Amino acid sequence: MINVVVCGALGRMGQTIGRMVAESPDLNLVGGIDLKPGTFFGAEIVEAKNMGTLLDAQNPDVMIDFTIASAAVGNVQEAARHKVALVVGTTGISPEQRALMATAIEGNVPAVFSTNYSVGVNIFWQLVRNAGKLLKDYDIEVIEAHHRNKKDAPSGTAKTILQILDEEVGSRKKQYGREGITERADEIGVHVIRGGDIVGDHTVSFSKNFETIELSHRAYDRSVFASGALRAAHWVVGKKPGMYAMSDVLGL
């Protein structure tokens, strides 16, 4: 049985992950962490400032973090001090924040980082990579859509798409939206939609005269992200200390 603590327990993803952990036959939900105390699915939620006390009392095997970047840094550092393995799905992390996390993790605990834990999205990223290799001379646009309450833009998934494209087609200027007289240059257009309760839509468009190729992924329920995070939680426990990606979990 793998003991699990969830950071961001009262959030949308935290609630989905907590429910799925509680329903899993080989995972044990031993606590949650958020800005205020409470309970979820039979487990205690403590304030973030009391995280160390919870980790000492429950001795979890893995912590799953879906919070915000500023909170995730401290969460990762505290987990590393307590030798708790990590699954981090928080997005909007700056290079400086990632460096702080890496310093805490290296030599101490194994940690999986991904901007998207959906198995389908990870395969989608591989398809984008393959397409980029073959379509270097096409015009490329990236469109993403999420619910109205999502704070970071573009999404972490979209940023991963842009990173993959830079690796495969070469670095290009990123044009975030267009207005007025804007003749297309050697750029990648990036377009962000926010509205309603959209779970997560991503499309990459490759266009040339007389044809367009589109690759798309659409998530209909947050459980696709949660199930991937739980898969990562199973995988990461017992691994050597270091930073891993979801591609390692899936063997891609």
Protein backbone atom coordinates (compact mmCIF):
# COMPACT_ATOMS: atom_id res chain seq x y z
CA MET A 1 0.00 0.00 0.00
CA ILE A 2 1.36 3.43 -1.02
CA ASN A 3 0.58 6.31 1.35
CA VAL A 4 -0.30 9.55 -0.45
CA VAL A 5 -0.54 13.21 0.56
CA VAL A 6 -2.17 15.73 -1.80
CA CYS A 7 -1.16 19.40 -1.93
CA GLY A 8 -3.92 21.72 -3.13
CA ALA A 9 -6.44 19.35 -1.61
CA LEU A 10 -9.35 21.79 -1.84
CA GLY A 11 -8.76 22.71 -5.48
CA ARG A 12 -10.37 21.20 -8.57
CA MET A 13 -7.53 18.81 -9.28
CA GLY A 14 -6.90 18.13 -5.60
CA GLN A 15 -10.47 17.00 -5.09
CA THR A 16 -10.36 14.75 -8.16
CA ILE A 17 -7.04 13.22 -7.14
CA GLY A 18 -8.15 12.78 -3.52
CA ARG A 19 -11.29 10.94 -4.59
CA MET A 20 -9.40 8.65 -6.96
CA VAL A 21 -6.70 7.88 -4.39
CA ALA A 22 -9.39 7.06 -1.81
CA GLU A 23 -11.06 4.72 -4.32
CA SER A 24 -7.81 2.99 -5.32
CA PRO A 25 -7.21 -0.49 -3.84
CA ASP A 26 -3.44 0.00 -3.52
CA LEU A 27 -3.20 3.69 -2.58
CA ASN A 28 -3.95 5.12 0.87
CA LEU A 29 -4.94 8.78 1.26
CA VAL A 30 -3.26 9.90 4.49
CA GLY A 31 -3.70 13.67 4.29
CA GLY A 32 -4.10 16.87 2.36
CA ILE A 33 -2.49 20.30 2.42
CA ASP A 34 -4.12 23.61 1.51
CA LEU A 35 -4.51 27.22 2.67
CA LYS A 36 -7.11 26.25 5.26
CA PRO A 37 -7.74 23.09 7.29
CA GLY A 38 -10.55 20.62 6.73
CA THR A 39 -11.15 17.06 5.63
CA PHE A 40 -11.58 15.25 2.33
CA PHE A 41 -12.49 11.65 1.64
CA GLY A 42 -11.84 10.67 5.25
CA ALA A 43 -8.42 12.33 5.50
CA GLU A 44 -7.32 15.44 7.36
CA ILE A 45 -6.36 18.61 5.49
CA VAL A 46 -3.83 20.83 7.29
CA GLU A 47 -2.68 24.35 6.56
CA ALA A 48 0.48 24.59 4.48
CA LYS A 49 2.40 26.03 7.43
CA ASN A 50 1.77 22.74 9.31
CA MET A 51 2.91 20.51 6.46
CA GLY A 52 5.99 19.26 8.31
CA THR A 53 3.87 18.08 11.24
CA LEU A 54 1.60 16.11 8.89
CA LEU A 55 4.54 14.52 7.08
CA ASP A 56 6.11 13.50 10.39
CA ALA A 57 2.86 12.01 11.65
CA GLN A 58 1.76 10.17 8.49
CA ASN A 59 5.12 9.27 6.90
CA PRO A 60 3.73 9.29 3.32
CA ASP A 61 5.50 7.56 0.44
CA VAL A 62 4.59 10.21 -2.13
CA MET A 63 3.23 13.76 -2.30
CA ILE A 64 1.15 14.89 -5.28
CA ASP A 65 1.26 18.66 -5.87
CA PHE A 66 -1.26 20.56 -8.03
CA THR A 67 -1.08 24.06 -6.57
CA ILE A 68 0.48 27.32 -7.81
CA ALA A 69 4.13 27.90 -8.60
CA SER A 70 4.94 30.01 -5.54
CA ALA A 71 3.45 27.41 -3.19
CA ALA A 72 4.91 24.43 -5.03
CA VAL A 73 8.49 25.52 -4.34
CA GLY A 74 8.02 25.33 -0.57
CA ASN A 75 5.99 22.12 -0.85
CA VAL A 76 8.74 20.41 -2.83
CA GLN A 77 11.44 21.61 -0.45
CA GLU A 78 9.53 20.33 2.59
CA ALA A 79 8.81 16.96 0.96
CA ALA A 80 12.48 16.58 0.01
CA ARG A 81 13.53 17.30 3.61
CA HIS A 82 11.21 14.49 4.74
CA LYS A 83 12.39 12.11 1.99
CA VAL A 84 8.92 11.95 0.40
CA ALA A 85 8.78 11.16 -3.33
CA LEU A 86 7.01 13.72 -5.51
CA VAL A 87 4.59 14.03 -8.38
CA VAL A 88 4.36 17.69 -9.44
CA GLY A 89 1.70 18.87 -11.87
CA THR A 90 1.77 22.57 -10.98
CA THR A 91 2.24 24.83 -14.02
CA GLY A 92 3.55 28.36 -14.48
CA ILE A 93 6.85 27.48 -12.79
CA SER A 94 9.66 29.90 -13.66
CA PRO A 95 13.22 28.73 -14.45
CA GLU A 96 14.33 30.18 -11.12
CA GLN A 97 11.63 28.29 -9.21
CA ARG A 98 12.44 25.07 -11.04
CA ALA A 99 16.11 25.51 -10.12
CA LEU A 100 15.18 25.82 -6.42
CA MET A 101 13.14 22.65 -6.67
CA ALA A 102 15.94 20.80 -8.47
CA THR A 103 18.40 21.75 -5.73
CA ALA A 104 16.05 20.33 -3.08
CA ILE A 105 15.37 17.13 -5.05
CA GLU A 106 18.79 16.09 -6.34
CA GLY A 107 20.34 13.45 -4.10
CA ASN A 108 17.29 13.36 -1.81
CA VAL A 109 14.10 12.10 -3.48
CA PRO A 110 12.72 10.99 -6.84
CA ALA A 111 10.27 13.42 -8.43
CA VAL A 112 8.13 13.35 -11.57
CA PHE A 113 7.43 16.72 -13.20
CA SER A 114 4.97 17.23 -16.04
CA THR A 115 2.84 20.07 -17.32
CA ASN A 116 0.21 17.47 -18.23
CA TYR A 117 -0.32 13.97 -16.80
CA SER A 118 -2.82 12.80 -19.40
CA VAL A 119 -1.47 9.73 -21.20
CA GLY A 120 -3.14 11.01 -24.36
CA VAL A 121 -1.40 14.40 -24.12
CA ASN A 122 1.98 12.74 -23.70
CA ILE A 123 1.36 10.73 -26.86
CA PHE A 124 0.07 13.95 -28.52
CA TRP A 125 3.38 15.64 -27.67
CA GLN A 126 5.22 12.80 -29.40
CA LEU A 127 3.04 13.23 -32.50
CA VAL A 128 3.76 16.99 -32.49
CA ARG A 129 7.48 16.21 -32.30
CA ASN A 130 7.26 13.82 -35.25
CA ALA A 131 5.22 16.32 -37.27
CA GLY A 132 7.67 19.12 -36.50
CA LYS A 133 10.54 17.06 -37.91
CA LEU A 134 8.66 16.56 -41.18
CA LEU A 135 6.97 19.97 -41.55
CA LYS A 136 9.75 22.45 -40.79
CA ASP A 137 8.80 24.71 -43.70
CA TYR A 138 5.09 24.99 -42.76
CA ASP A 139 3.44 27.89 -40.94
CA ILE A 140 2.68 26.79 -37.38
CA GLU A 141 -0.03 28.00 -35.00
CA VAL A 142 -0.80 26.79 -31.47
CA ILE A 143 -4.27 27.24 -29.97
CA GLU A 144 -5.25 26.32 -26.41
CA ALA A 145 -8.49 26.70 -24.43
CA HIS A 146 -9.22 26.30 -20.71
CA HIS A 147 -11.84 27.22 -18.12
CA ARG A 148 -12.31 30.84 -17.12
CA ASN A 149 -10.54 30.43 -13.75
CA LYS A 150 -7.20 29.20 -15.08
CA LYS A 151 -4.55 31.69 -13.98
CA ASP A 152 -1.53 31.04 -16.21
CA ALA A 153 -1.49 31.68 -19.94
CA PRO A 154 -0.46 30.08 -22.18
CA SER A 155 -1.05 26.78 -20.42
CA GLY A 156 1.83 24.63 -19.30
CA THR A 157 0.83 22.10 -21.95
CA ALA A 158 1.04 24.76 -24.65
CA LYS A 159 4.45 25.86 -23.39
CA THR A 160 5.63 22.25 -23.66
CA ILE A 161 4.31 22.17 -27.24
CA LEU A 162 6.30 25.34 -28.01
CA GLN A 163 9.43 23.84 -26.46
CA ILE A 164 9.04 20.70 -28.58
CA LEU A 165 8.57 22.79 -31.74
CA ASP A 166 11.66 24.88 -30.97
CA GLU A 167 13.66 21.66 -30.64
CA GLU A 168 12.38 20.27 -33.94
CA VAL A 169 11.90 23.27 -36.28
CA GLY A 170 14.36 25.72 -34.72
CA SER A 171 13.69 28.67 -32.47
CA ARG A 172 11.08 31.05 -33.89
CA LYS A 173 9.50 34.21 -32.57
CA LYS A 174 6.28 33.55 -30.63
CA GLN A 175 3.45 35.83 -31.73
CA TYR A 176 0.88 35.95 -28.91
CA GLY A 177 -2.31 36.95 -30.71
CA ARG A 178 -2.59 39.39 -33.59
CA GLU A 179 -4.24 42.75 -34.07
CA GLY A 180 -4.15 45.40 -36.79
CA ILE A 181 -1.92 45.10 -39.85
CA THR A 182 0.38 42.22 -38.98
CA GLU A 183 1.99 40.46 -41.91
CA ARG A 184 3.03 36.94 -40.98
CA ALA A 185 6.76 36.47 -40.38
CA ASP A 186 8.90 33.46 -39.46
CA GLU A 187 6.94 32.95 -36.24
CA ILE A 188 4.67 30.61 -34.33
CA GLY A 189 1.30 32.08 -33.52
CA VAL A 190 0.01 31.36 -30.00
CA HIS A 191 -3.66 31.87 -29.18
CA VAL A 192 -5.27 31.52 -25.75
CA ILE A 193 -8.99 31.01 -25.06
CA ARG A 194 -10.50 31.22 -21.56
CA GLY A 195 -14.15 30.50 -20.91
CA GLY A 196 -16.74 28.51 -19.02
CA ASP A 197 -15.62 25.14 -17.71
CA ILE A 198 -13.41 24.02 -20.63
CA VAL A 199 -11.18 21.29 -19.18
CA GLY A 200 -8.36 21.57 -21.72
CA ASP A 201 -8.14 21.79 -25.52
CA HIS A 202 -4.90 22.02 -27.52
CA THR A 203 -4.39 22.21 -31.29
CA VAL A 204 -1.26 22.57 -33.40
CA SER A 205 -1.85 23.67 -36.99
CA PHE A 206 0.72 23.20 -39.78
CA SER A 207 -0.27 25.13 -42.92
CA LYS A 208 1.13 25.54 -46.42
CA ASN A 209 -0.45 26.64 -49.68
CA PHE A 210 -3.49 24.47 -50.44
CA GLU A 211 -3.33 22.31 -47.28
CA THR A 212 -3.41 22.30 -43.49
CA ILE A 213 -2.55 19.51 -41.08
CA GLU A 214 -3.96 19.74 -37.54
CA LEU A 215 -3.12 17.73 -34.46
CA SER A 216 -5.54 18.12 -31.54
CA HIS A 217 -6.16 16.82 -28.06
CA ARG A 218 -9.31 17.52 -26.05
CA ALA A 219 -9.83 16.57 -22.41
CA TYR A 220 -13.43 16.08 -21.28
CA ASP A 221 -12.82 15.38 -17.59
CA ARG A 222 -10.05 16.13 -15.07
CA SER A 223 -9.90 12.44 -14.22
CA VAL A 224 -7.62 11.91 -17.25
CA PHE A 225 -5.00 14.10 -15.55
CA ALA A 226 -5.59 12.55 -12.14
CA SER A 227 -5.28 8.98 -13.44
CA GLY A 228 -1.93 9.86 -15.01
CA ALA A 229 -0.75 11.46 -11.77
CA LEU A 230 -1.70 8.29 -9.87
CA ARG A 231 0.17 6.23 -12.43
CA ALA A 232 3.22 8.44 -11.82
CA ALA A 233 2.78 8.04 -8.05
CA HIS A 234 2.90 4.25 -8.39
CA TRP A 235 5.99 4.50 -10.59
CA VAL A 236 8.08 7.05 -8.68
CA VAL A 237 8.11 5.35 -5.27
CA GLY A 238 11.41 3.53 -4.85
CA LYS A 239 13.17 5.18 -7.80
CA LYS A 240 16.62 6.73 -7.45
CA PRO A 241 16.65 10.42 -6.42
CA GLY A 242 16.38 12.82 -9.34
CA MET A 243 13.95 14.59 -11.65
CA TYR A 244 11.90 12.51 -14.07
CA ALA A 245 9.30 13.25 -16.76
CA MET A 246 6.00 11.57 -17.58
CA SER A 247 7.72 10.14 -20.65
CA ASP A 248 9.90 8.13 -18.22
CA VAL A 249 6.78 6.84 -16.47
CA LEU A 250 5.23 5.79 -19.80
CA GLY A 251 8.46 4.53 -21.37
CA LEU A 252 8.10 6.85 -24.37
